[in-house]
Amino acid sequence: MQIDLNTPDGLTLEAVRQLLASGSDDVHNQLRVTKDGIAYLSTVTGGQDIEGLLFRLETWAKGSGYVGNVAASDEVWVMQIFNALKDNWPNPPYDYIDVY
């Protein structure tokens, strides 16, 4: 699952909900956005393999509940991630975002 931030109807609450639901809480996850505007969940986290990224959020530790169906059903969390994407695309202040 990925979100194309370039399309007018790409970034929606439902798209963020589906993206979060597609993640597995059994592994670490990181929300990443490429320079081309594709937002996706990655199990490669931290500062590894960041070439081609515009920005990334902090790593969500496995078992923390930030991804999966429960996370996707949390309206406040979905809105928080929606706003993090909206506020940082296409001009993030930093390439690593840990306050959102």
PDB file of N, CA and C in Angstrom:
ATOM      1  N   MET A   1       0.852  -1.184   0.000  1.00  0.00           N
ATOM      2  CA  MET A   1       0.000   0.000   0.000  1.00  0.00           C
ATOM      3  C   MET A   1       0.887   1.234   0.000  1.00  0.00           C
ATOM      4  N   GLN A   2       0.531   2.196  -0.814  1.00  0.00           N
ATOM      5  CA  GLN A   2       1.239   3.470  -0.839  1.00  0.00           C
ATOM      6  C   GLN A   2       0.256   4.576  -1.187  1.00  0.00           C
ATOM      7  N   ILE A   3       0.665   5.804  -0.917  1.00  0.00           N
ATOM      8  CA  ILE A   3      -0.154   6.976  -1.217  1.00  0.00           C
ATOM      9  C   ILE A   3       0.644   7.868  -2.151  1.00  0.00           C
ATOM     10  N   ASP A   4       0.050   8.230  -3.277  1.00  0.00           N
ATOM     11  CA  ASP A   4       0.675   9.167  -4.199  1.00  0.00           C
ATOM     12  C   ASP A   4       0.246  10.573  -3.795  1.00  0.00           C
ATOM     13  N   LEU A   5       1.172  11.316  -3.231  1.00  0.00           N
ATOM     14  CA  LEU A   5       0.859  12.654  -2.726  1.00  0.00           C
ATOM     15  C   LEU A   5       0.723  13.687  -3.836  1.00  0.00           C
ATOM     16  N   ASN A   6       1.035  13.310  -5.062  1.00  0.00           N
ATOM     17  CA  ASN A   6       0.934  14.225  -6.195  1.00  0.00           C
ATOM     18  C   ASN A   6      -0.471  14.317  -6.768  1.00  0.00           C
ATOM     19  N   THR A   7      -1.273  13.301  -6.552  1.00  0.00           N
ATOM     20  CA  THR A   7      -2.613  13.313  -7.122  1.00  0.00           C
ATOM     21  C   THR A   7      -3.551  14.067  -6.186  1.00  0.00           C
ATOM     22  N   PRO A   8      -4.483  14.831  -6.753  1.00  0.00           N
ATOM     23  CA  PRO A   8      -5.376  15.653  -5.921  1.00  0.00           C
ATOM     24  C   PRO A   8      -6.168  14.850  -4.888  1.00  0.00           C
ATOM     25  N   ASP A   9      -6.542  13.640  -5.223  1.00  0.00           N
ATOM     26  CA  ASP A   9      -7.319  12.828  -4.286  1.00  0.00           C
ATOM     27  C   ASP A   9      -6.477  11.726  -3.648  1.00  0.00           C
ATOM     28  N   GLY A  10      -5.149  11.850  -3.733  1.00  0.00           N
ATOM     29  CA  GLY A  10      -4.262  10.824  -3.182  1.00  0.00           C
ATOM     30  C   GLY A  10      -4.224  10.822  -1.669  1.00  0.00           C
ATOM     31  N   LEU A  11      -4.050  11.995  -1.072  1.00  0.00           N
ATOM     32  CA  LEU A  11      -3.948  12.091   0.380  1.00  0.00           C
ATOM     33  C   LEU A  11      -5.319  12.336   0.982  1.00  0.00           C
ATOM     34  N   THR A  12      -5.892  11.269   1.518  1.00  0.00           N
ATOM     35  CA  THR A  12      -7.181  11.342   2.198  1.00  0.00           C
ATOM     36  C   THR A  12      -7.059  10.623   3.534  1.00  0.00           C
ATOM     37  N   LEU A  13      -8.003  10.876   4.413  1.00  0.00           N
ATOM     38  CA  LEU A  13      -8.015  10.147   5.683  1.00  0.00           C
ATOM     39  C   LEU A  13      -8.165   8.650   5.442  1.00  0.00           C
ATOM     40  N   GLU A  14      -8.985   8.280   4.471  1.00  0.00           N
ATOM     41  CA  GLU A  14      -9.174   6.861   4.171  1.00  0.00           C
ATOM     42  C   GLU A  14      -7.886   6.224   3.649  1.00  0.00           C
ATOM     43  N   ALA A  15      -7.140   6.944   2.837  1.00  0.00           N
ATOM     44  CA  ALA A  15      -5.869   6.420   2.323  1.00  0.00           C
ATOM     45  C   ALA A  15      -4.878   6.216   3.472  1.00  0.00           C
ATOM     46  N   VAL A  16      -4.811   7.165   4.387  1.00  0.00           N
ATOM     47  CA  VAL A  16      -3.926   7.031   5.548  1.00  0.00           C
ATOM     48  C   VAL A  16      -4.376   5.853   6.402  1.00  0.00           C
ATOM     49  N   ARG A  17      -5.669   5.716   6.596  1.00  0.00           N
ATOM     50  CA  ARG A  17      -6.214   4.593   7.367  1.00  0.00           C
ATOM     51  C   ARG A  17      -5.794   3.260   6.740  1.00  0.00           C
ATOM     52  N   GLN A  18      -5.932   3.151   5.428  1.00  0.00           N
ATOM     53  CA  GLN A  18      -5.563   1.921   4.737  1.00  0.00           C
ATOM     54  C   GLN A  18      -4.059   1.659   4.809  1.00  0.00           C
ATOM     55  N   LEU A  19      -3.272   2.725   4.695  1.00  0.00           N
ATOM     56  CA  LEU A  19      -1.822   2.577   4.796  1.00  0.00           C
ATOM     57  C   LEU A  19      -1.434   2.051   6.169  1.00  0.00           C
ATOM     58  N   LEU A  20      -1.974   2.648   7.219  1.00  0.00           N
ATOM     59  CA  LEU A  20      -1.674   2.188   8.575  1.00  0.00           C
ATOM     60  C   LEU A  20      -2.143   0.754   8.793  1.00  0.00           C
ATOM     61  N   ALA A  21      -3.315   0.420   8.272  1.00  0.00           N
ATOM     62  CA  ALA A  21      -3.851  -0.935   8.427  1.00  0.00           C
ATOM     63  C   ALA A  21      -2.977  -1.968   7.719  1.00  0.00           C
ATOM     64  N   SER A  22      -2.299  -1.556   6.660  1.00  0.00           N
ATOM     65  CA  SER A  22      -1.485  -2.501   5.886  1.00  0.00           C
ATOM     66  C   SER A  22      -0.195  -2.894   6.592  1.00  0.00           C
ATOM     67  N   GLY A  23       0.173  -2.168   7.645  1.00  0.00           N
ATOM     68  CA  GLY A  23       1.415  -2.466   8.354  1.00  0.00           C
ATOM     69  C   GLY A  23       1.248  -3.575   9.372  1.00  0.00           C
ATOM     70  N   SER A  24       2.352  -4.237   9.661  1.00  0.00           N
ATOM     71  CA  SER A  24       2.374  -5.292  10.675  1.00  0.00           C
ATOM     72  C   SER A  24       3.043  -4.766  11.936  1.00  0.00           C
ATOM     73  N   ASP A  25       2.362  -4.893  13.058  1.00  0.00           N
ATOM     74  CA  ASP A  25       2.896  -4.442  14.337  1.00  0.00           C
ATOM     75  C   ASP A  25       3.921  -5.433  14.901  1.00  0.00           C
ATOM     76  N   ASP A  26       4.189  -6.504  14.149  1.00  0.00           N
ATOM     77  CA  ASP A  26       5.164  -7.506  14.576  1.00  0.00           C
ATOM     78  C   ASP A  26       6.596  -7.116  14.208  1.00  0.00           C
ATOM     79  N   VAL A  27       6.746  -6.032  13.460  1.00  0.00           N
ATOM     80  CA  VAL A  27       8.070  -5.544  13.050  1.00  0.00           C
ATOM     81  C   VAL A  27       8.114  -4.027  13.203  1.00  0.00           C
ATOM     82  N   HIS A  28       9.330  -3.475  13.244  1.00  0.00           N
ATOM     83  CA  HIS A  28       9.479  -2.025  13.250  1.00  0.00           C
ATOM     84  C   HIS A  28       8.983  -1.473  11.914  1.00  0.00           C
ATOM     85  N   ASN A  29       8.400  -0.285  11.931  1.00  0.00           N
ATOM     86  CA  ASN A  29       7.906   0.378  10.721  1.00  0.00           C
ATOM     87  C   ASN A  29       8.358   1.825  10.716  1.00  0.00           C
ATOM     88  N   GLN A  30       8.474   2.359   9.510  1.00  0.00           N
ATOM     89  CA  GLN A  30       8.777   3.778   9.355  1.00  0.00           C
ATOM     90  C   GLN A  30       7.995   4.294   8.153  1.00  0.00           C
ATOM     91  N   LEU A  31       7.286   5.387   8.337  1.00  0.00           N
ATOM     92  CA  LEU A  31       6.581   6.030   7.233  1.00  0.00           C
ATOM     93  C   LEU A  31       7.589   6.876   6.480  1.00  0.00           C
ATOM     94  N   ARG A  32       7.718   6.593   5.188  1.00  0.00           N
ATOM     95  CA  ARG A  32       8.699   7.280   4.348  1.00  0.00           C
ATOM     96  C   ARG A  32       8.006   7.925   3.163  1.00  0.00           C
ATOM     97  N   VAL A  33       8.578   9.030   2.688  1.00  0.00           N
ATOM     98  CA  VAL A  33       8.066   9.722   1.505  1.00  0.00           C
ATOM     99  C   VAL A  33       9.228   9.931   0.539  1.00  0.00           C
ATOM    100  N   THR A  34       9.064   9.442  -0.670  1.00  0.00           N
ATOM    101  CA  THR A  34      10.106   9.595  -1.676  1.00  0.00           C
ATOM    102  C   THR A  34      10.096  11.007  -2.241  1.00  0.00           C
ATOM    103  N   LYS A  35      11.167  11.349  -2.929  1.00  0.00           N
ATOM    104  CA  LYS A  35      11.240  12.651  -3.579  1.00  0.00           C
ATOM    105  C   LYS A  35      10.176  12.781  -4.666  1.00  0.00           C
ATOM    106  N   ASP A  36       9.684  11.654  -5.154  1.00  0.00           N
ATOM    107  CA  ASP A  36       8.618  11.636  -6.158  1.00  0.00           C
ATOM    108  C   ASP A  36       7.225  11.744  -5.547  1.00  0.00           C
ATOM    109  N   GLY A  37       7.125  11.794  -4.209  1.00  0.00           N
ATOM    110  CA  GLY A  37       5.836  11.983  -3.557  1.00  0.00           C
ATOM    111  C   GLY A  37       5.070  10.725  -3.245  1.00  0.00           C
ATOM    112  N   ILE A  38       5.765   9.606  -3.103  1.00  0.00           N
ATOM    113  CA  ILE A  38       5.101   8.356  -2.740  1.00  0.00           C
ATOM    114  C   ILE A  38       5.341   8.092  -1.257  1.00  0.00           C
ATOM    115  N   ALA A  39       4.249   8.025  -0.494  1.00  0.00           N
ATOM    116  CA  ALA A  39       4.322   7.715   0.932  1.00  0.00           C
ATOM    117  C   ALA A  39       4.066   6.222   1.109  1.00  0.00           C
ATOM    118  N   TYR A  40       4.886   5.580   1.933  1.00  0.00           N
ATOM    119  CA  TYR A  40       4.743   4.143   2.141  1.00  0.00           C
ATOM    120  C   TYR A  40       5.319   3.758   3.494  1.00  0.00           C
ATOM    121  N   LEU A  41       4.917   2.588   3.976  1.00  0.00           N
ATOM    122  CA  LEU A  41       5.486   2.043   5.199  1.00  0.00           C
ATOM    123  C   LEU A  41       6.675   1.177   4.822  1.00  0.00           C
ATOM    124  N   SER A  42       7.738   1.330   5.569  1.00  0.00           N
ATOM    125  CA  SER A  42       8.953   0.556   5.321  1.00  0.00           C
ATOM    126  C   SER A  42       9.331  -0.216   6.573  1.00  0.00           C
ATOM    127  N   THR A  43       9.783  -1.446   6.376  1.00  0.00           N
ATOM    128  CA  THR A  43      10.324  -2.208   7.500  1.00  0.00           C
ATOM    129  C   THR A  43      11.836  -2.020   7.582  1.00  0.00           C
ATOM    130  N   VAL A  44      12.406  -1.336   6.601  1.00  0.00           N
ATOM    131  CA  VAL A  44      13.783  -0.853   6.701  1.00  0.00           C
ATOM    132  C   VAL A  44      13.657   0.489   7.409  1.00  0.00           C
ATOM    133  N   THR A  45      14.279   0.625   8.563  1.00  0.00           N
ATOM    134  CA  THR A  45      14.014   1.783   9.415  1.00  0.00           C
ATOM    135  C   THR A  45      15.292   2.541   9.750  1.00  0.00           C
ATOM    136  N   GLY A  46      15.122   3.567  10.533  1.00  0.00           N
ATOM    137  CA  GLY A  46      16.258   4.381  10.953  1.00  0.00           C
ATOM    138  C   GLY A  46      16.869   5.104   9.772  1.00  0.00           C
ATOM    139  N   GLY A  47      18.188   5.209   9.775  1.00  0.00           N
ATOM    140  CA  GLY A  47      18.894   5.894   8.713  1.00  0.00           C
ATOM    141  C   GLY A  47      19.364   4.970   7.604  1.00  0.00           C
ATOM    142  N   GLN A  48      18.824   3.768   7.549  1.00  0.00           N
ATOM    143  CA  GLN A  48      19.225   2.808   6.523  1.00  0.00           C
ATOM    144  C   GLN A  48      18.464   3.045   5.229  1.00  0.00           C
ATOM    145  N   ASP A  49      19.171   2.920   4.119  1.00  0.00           N
ATOM    146  CA  ASP A  49      18.560   2.944   2.788  1.00  0.00           C
ATOM    147  C   ASP A  49      17.656   4.162   2.580  1.00  0.00           C
ATOM    148  N   ILE A  50      18.207   5.354   2.828  1.00  0.00           N
ATOM    149  CA  ILE A  50      17.397   6.569   2.737  1.00  0.00           C
ATOM    150  C   ILE A  50      17.620   7.356   1.444  1.00  0.00           C
ATOM    151  N   GLU A  51      18.427   6.828   0.551  1.00  0.00           N
ATOM    152  CA  GLU A  51      18.635   7.507  -0.723  1.00  0.00           C
ATOM    153  C   GLU A  51      17.313   7.568  -1.485  1.00  0.00           C
ATOM    154  N   GLY A  52      17.003   8.721  -2.028  1.00  0.00           N
ATOM    155  CA  GLY A  52      15.764   8.900  -2.777  1.00  0.00           C
ATOM    156  C   GLY A  52      14.587   9.343  -1.930  1.00  0.00           C
ATOM    157  N   LEU A  53      14.802   9.449  -0.611  1.00  0.00           N
ATOM    158  CA  LEU A  53      13.713   9.896   0.265  1.00  0.00           C
ATOM    159  C   LEU A  53      13.738  11.410   0.420  1.00  0.00           C
ATOM    160  N   LEU A  54      12.554  11.984   0.494  1.00  0.00           N
ATOM    161  CA  LEU A  54      12.430  13.402   0.809  1.00  0.00           C
ATOM    162  C   LEU A  54      12.407  13.580   2.322  1.00  0.00           C
ATOM    163  N   PHE A  55      11.603  12.740   2.989  1.00  0.00           N
ATOM    164  CA  PHE A  55      11.579  12.743   4.453  1.00  0.00           C
ATOM    165  C   PHE A  55      11.030  11.427   4.964  1.00  0.00           C
ATOM    166  N   ARG A  56      11.237  11.232   6.259  1.00  0.00           N
ATOM    167  CA  ARG A  56      10.744  10.038   6.938  1.00  0.00           C
ATOM    168  C   ARG A  56      10.349  10.430   8.344  1.00  0.00           C
ATOM    169  N   LEU A  57       9.387   9.710   8.897  1.00  0.00           N
ATOM    170  CA  LEU A  57       8.997   9.923  10.288  1.00  0.00           C
ATOM    171  C   LEU A  57       9.852   9.025  11.175  1.00  0.00           C
ATOM    172  N   GLU A  58       9.752   9.240  12.456  1.00  0.00           N
ATOM    173  CA  GLU A  58      10.496   8.402  13.387  1.00  0.00           C
ATOM    174  C   GLU A  58      10.085   6.938  13.227  1.00  0.00           C
ATOM    175  N   THR A  59      10.959   6.039  13.634  1.00  0.00           N
ATOM    176  CA  THR A  59      10.655   4.611  13.575  1.00  0.00           C
ATOM    177  C   THR A  59       9.629   4.264  14.641  1.00  0.00           C
ATOM    178  N   TRP A  60       8.631   3.489  14.231  1.00  0.00           N
ATOM    179  CA  TRP A  60       7.623   2.991  15.168  1.00  0.00           C
ATOM    180  C   TRP A  60       8.028   1.580  15.560  1.00  0.00           C
ATOM    181  N   ALA A  61       8.351   1.383  16.820  1.00  0.00           N
ATOM    182  CA  ALA A  61       8.836   0.095  17.312  1.00  0.00           C
ATOM    183  C   ALA A  61       7.755  -0.977  17.224  1.00  0.00           C
ATOM    184  N   LYS A  62       8.197  -2.198  16.940  1.00  0.00           N
ATOM    185  CA  LYS A  62       7.248  -3.308  16.873  1.00  0.00           C
ATOM    186  C   LYS A  62       6.532  -3.438  18.217  1.00  0.00           C
ATOM    187  N   GLY A  63       5.263  -3.790  18.146  1.00  0.00           N
ATOM    188  CA  GLY A  63       4.471  -3.972  19.344  1.00  0.00           C
ATOM    189  C   GLY A  63       3.957  -2.687  19.967  1.00  0.00           C
ATOM    190  N   SER A  64       4.241  -1.542  19.353  1.00  0.00           N
ATOM    191  CA  SER A  64       3.837  -0.265  19.947  1.00  0.00           C
ATOM    192  C   SER A  64       2.434   0.171  19.536  1.00  0.00           C
ATOM    193  N   GLY A  65       1.834  -0.511  18.561  1.00  0.00           N
ATOM    194  CA  GLY A  65       0.461  -0.209  18.181  1.00  0.00           C
ATOM    195  C   GLY A  65       0.299   0.935  17.205  1.00  0.00           C
ATOM    196  N   TYR A  66       1.365   1.351  16.528  1.00  0.00           N
ATOM    197  CA  TYR A  66       1.282   2.470  15.591  1.00  0.00           C
ATOM    198  C   TYR A  66       0.813   2.064  14.199  1.00  0.00           C
ATOM    199  N   VAL A  67       0.829   0.774  13.904  1.00  0.00           N
ATOM    200  CA  VAL A  67       0.331   0.272  12.626  1.00  0.00           C
ATOM    201  C   VAL A  67      -0.574  -0.927  12.885  1.00  0.00           C
ATOM    202  N   GLY A  68      -1.306  -1.329  11.864  1.00  0.00           N
ATOM    203  CA  GLY A  68      -2.237  -2.443  11.994  1.00  0.00           C
ATOM    204  C   GLY A  68      -3.669  -1.951  12.103  1.00  0.00           C
ATOM    205  N   ASN A  69      -4.588  -2.889  12.247  1.00  0.00           N
ATOM    206  CA  ASN A  69      -6.007  -2.552  12.261  1.00  0.00           C
ATOM    207  C   ASN A  69      -6.417  -1.687  13.447  1.00  0.00           C
ATOM    208  N   VAL A  70      -5.831  -1.940  14.599  1.00  0.00           N
ATOM    209  CA  VAL A  70      -6.181  -1.139  15.774  1.00  0.00           C
ATOM    210  C   VAL A  70      -5.737   0.304  15.572  1.00  0.00           C
ATOM    211  N   ALA A  71      -4.525   0.500  15.072  1.00  0.00           N
ATOM    212  CA  ALA A  71      -4.029   1.858  14.804  1.00  0.00           C
ATOM    213  C   ALA A  71      -4.899   2.549  13.768  1.00  0.00           C
ATOM    214  N   ALA A  72      -5.306   1.812  12.742  1.00  0.00           N
ATOM    215  CA  ALA A  72      -6.122   2.382  11.672  1.00  0.00           C
ATOM    216  C   ALA A  72      -7.512   2.776  12.156  1.00  0.00           C
ATOM    217  N   SER A  73      -7.965   2.201  13.245  1.00  0.00           N
ATOM    218  CA  SER A  73      -9.293   2.532  13.772  1.00  0.00           C
ATOM    219  C   SER A  73      -9.251   3.705  14.760  1.00  0.00           C
ATOM    220  N   ASP A  74      -8.056   4.189  15.072  1.00  0.00           N
ATOM    221  CA  ASP A  74      -7.888   5.319  15.992  1.00  0.00           C
ATOM    222  C   ASP A  74      -7.947   6.622  15.183  1.00  0.00           C
ATOM    223  N   GLU A  75      -9.083   7.301  15.246  1.00  0.00           N
ATOM    224  CA  GLU A  75      -9.309   8.497  14.431  1.00  0.00           C
ATOM    225  C   GLU A  75      -8.294   9.606  14.719  1.00  0.00           C
ATOM    226  N   VAL A  76      -7.904   9.761  15.970  1.00  0.00           N
ATOM    227  CA  VAL A  76      -6.942  10.792  16.334  1.00  0.00           C
ATOM    228  C   VAL A  76      -5.582  10.488  15.707  1.00  0.00           C
ATOM    229  N   TRP A  77      -5.149   9.235  15.764  1.00  0.00           N
ATOM    230  CA  TRP A  77      -3.871   8.827  15.190  1.00  0.00           C
ATOM    231  C   TRP A  77      -3.885   8.978  13.669  1.00  0.00           C
ATOM    232  N   VAL A  78      -4.953   8.562  13.031  1.00  0.00           N
ATOM    233  CA  VAL A  78      -5.074   8.686  11.573  1.00  0.00           C
ATOM    234  C   VAL A  78      -4.976  10.163  11.177  1.00  0.00           C
ATOM    235  N   MET A  79      -5.658  11.026  11.894  1.00  0.00           N
ATOM    236  CA  MET A  79      -5.609  12.462  11.609  1.00  0.00           C
ATOM    237  C   MET A  79      -4.201  13.016  11.838  1.00  0.00           C
ATOM    238  N   GLN A  80      -3.532  12.548  12.862  1.00  0.00           N
ATOM    239  CA  GLN A  80      -2.176  13.010  13.161  1.00  0.00           C
ATOM    240  C   GLN A  80      -1.223  12.660  12.008  1.00  0.00           C
ATOM    241  N   ILE A  81      -1.320  11.458  11.475  1.00  0.00           N
ATOM    242  CA  ILE A  81      -0.455  11.049  10.368  1.00  0.00           C
ATOM    243  C   ILE A  81      -0.866  11.774   9.086  1.00  0.00           C
ATOM    244  N   PHE A  82      -2.148  11.929   8.853  1.00  0.00           N
ATOM    245  CA  PHE A  82      -2.635  12.703   7.710  1.00  0.00           C
ATOM    246  C   PHE A  82      -2.022  14.106   7.733  1.00  0.00           C
ATOM    247  N   ASN A  83      -2.086  14.764   8.885  1.00  0.00           N
ATOM    248  CA  ASN A  83      -1.547  16.115   9.017  1.00  0.00           C
ATOM    249  C   ASN A  83      -0.023  16.146   8.861  1.00  0.00           C
ATOM    250  N   ALA A  84       0.658  15.120   9.344  1.00  0.00           N
ATOM    251  CA  ALA A  84       2.114  15.053   9.188  1.00  0.00           C
ATOM    252  C   ALA A  84       2.487  14.996   7.713  1.00  0.00           C
ATOM    253  N   LEU A  85       1.746  14.226   6.944  1.00  0.00           N
ATOM    254  CA  LEU A  85       2.002  14.153   5.507  1.00  0.00           C
ATOM    255  C   LEU A  85       1.653  15.463   4.816  1.00  0.00           C
ATOM    256  N   LYS A  86       0.486  15.990   5.127  1.00  0.00           N
ATOM    257  CA  LYS A  86       0.018  17.230   4.497  1.00  0.00           C
ATOM    258  C   LYS A  86       0.944  18.404   4.816  1.00  0.00           C
ATOM    259  N   ASP A  87       1.391  18.488   6.055  1.00  0.00           N
ATOM    260  CA  ASP A  87       2.217  19.616   6.486  1.00  0.00           C
ATOM    261  C   ASP A  87       3.651  19.550   5.969  1.00  0.00           C
ATOM    262  N   ASN A  88       4.121  18.365   5.621  1.00  0.00           N
ATOM    263  CA  ASN A  88       5.522  18.217   5.226  1.00  0.00           C
ATOM    264  C   ASN A  88       5.735  17.969   3.738  1.00  0.00           C
ATOM    265  N   TRP A  89       4.695  17.674   2.999  1.00  0.00           N
ATOM    266  CA  TRP A  89       4.818  17.487   1.562  1.00  0.00           C
ATOM    267  C   TRP A  89       4.378  18.763   0.861  1.00  0.00           C
ATOM    268  N   PRO A  90       5.101  19.335  -0.052  1.00  0.00           N
ATOM    269  CA  PRO A  90       6.355  18.839  -0.634  1.00  0.00           C
ATOM    270  C   PRO A  90       7.605  19.514  -0.067  1.00  0.00           C
ATOM    271  N   ASN A  91       7.457  20.323   0.984  1.00  0.00           N
ATOM    272  CA  ASN A  91       8.608  21.076   1.506  1.00  0.00           C
ATOM    273  C   ASN A  91       8.816  20.835   2.996  1.00  0.00           C
ATOM    274  N   PRO A  92       9.375  19.691   3.350  1.00  0.00           N
ATOM    275  CA  PRO A  92       9.601  19.430   4.770  1.00  0.00           C
ATOM    276  C   PRO A  92      10.743  20.287   5.309  1.00  0.00           C
ATOM    277  N   PRO A  93      10.664  20.690   6.575  1.00  0.00           N
ATOM    278  CA  PRO A  93      11.754  21.477   7.147  1.00  0.00           C
ATOM    279  C   PRO A  93      13.019  20.637   7.349  1.00  0.00           C
ATOM    280  N   TYR A  94      12.838  19.325   7.508  1.00  0.00           N
ATOM    281  CA  TYR A  94      13.940  18.395   7.743  1.00  0.00           C
ATOM    282  C   TYR A  94      13.651  17.099   6.992  1.00  0.00           C
ATOM    283  N   ASP A  95      14.691  16.280   6.840  1.00  0.00           N
ATOM    284  CA  ASP A  95      14.476  14.976   6.192  1.00  0.00           C
ATOM    285  C   ASP A  95      14.061  13.897   7.197  1.00  0.00           C
ATOM    286  N   TYR A  96      14.161  14.237   8.501  1.00  0.00           N
ATOM    287  CA  TYR A  96      13.735  13.322   9.562  1.00  0.00           C
ATOM    288  C   TYR A  96      12.753  14.092  10.435  1.00  0.00           C
ATOM    289  N   ILE A  97      11.535  13.605  10.514  1.00  0.00           N
ATOM    290  CA  ILE A  97      10.470  14.294  11.249  1.00  0.00           C
ATOM    291  C   ILE A  97      10.116  13.449  12.480  1.00  0.00           C
ATOM    292  N   ASP A  98      10.324  14.010  13.666  1.00  0.00           N
ATOM    293  CA  ASP A  98       9.962  13.272  14.873  1.00  0.00           C
ATOM    294  C   ASP A  98       8.971  14.023  15.752  1.00  0.00           C
ATOM    295  N   VAL A  99       8.552  15.197  15.296  1.00  0.00           N
ATOM    296  CA  VAL A  99       7.516  15.952  15.992  1.00  0.00           C
ATOM    297  C   VAL A  99       6.408  16.209  14.965  1.00  0.00           C
ATOM    298  N   TYR A 100       5.243  15.618  15.212  1.00  0.00           N
ATOM    299  CA  TYR A 100       4.125  15.748  14.288  1.00  0.00           C
ATOM    300  C   TYR A 100       2.813  15.553  15.001  1.00  0.00           C
TER     301      TYR A 100
END
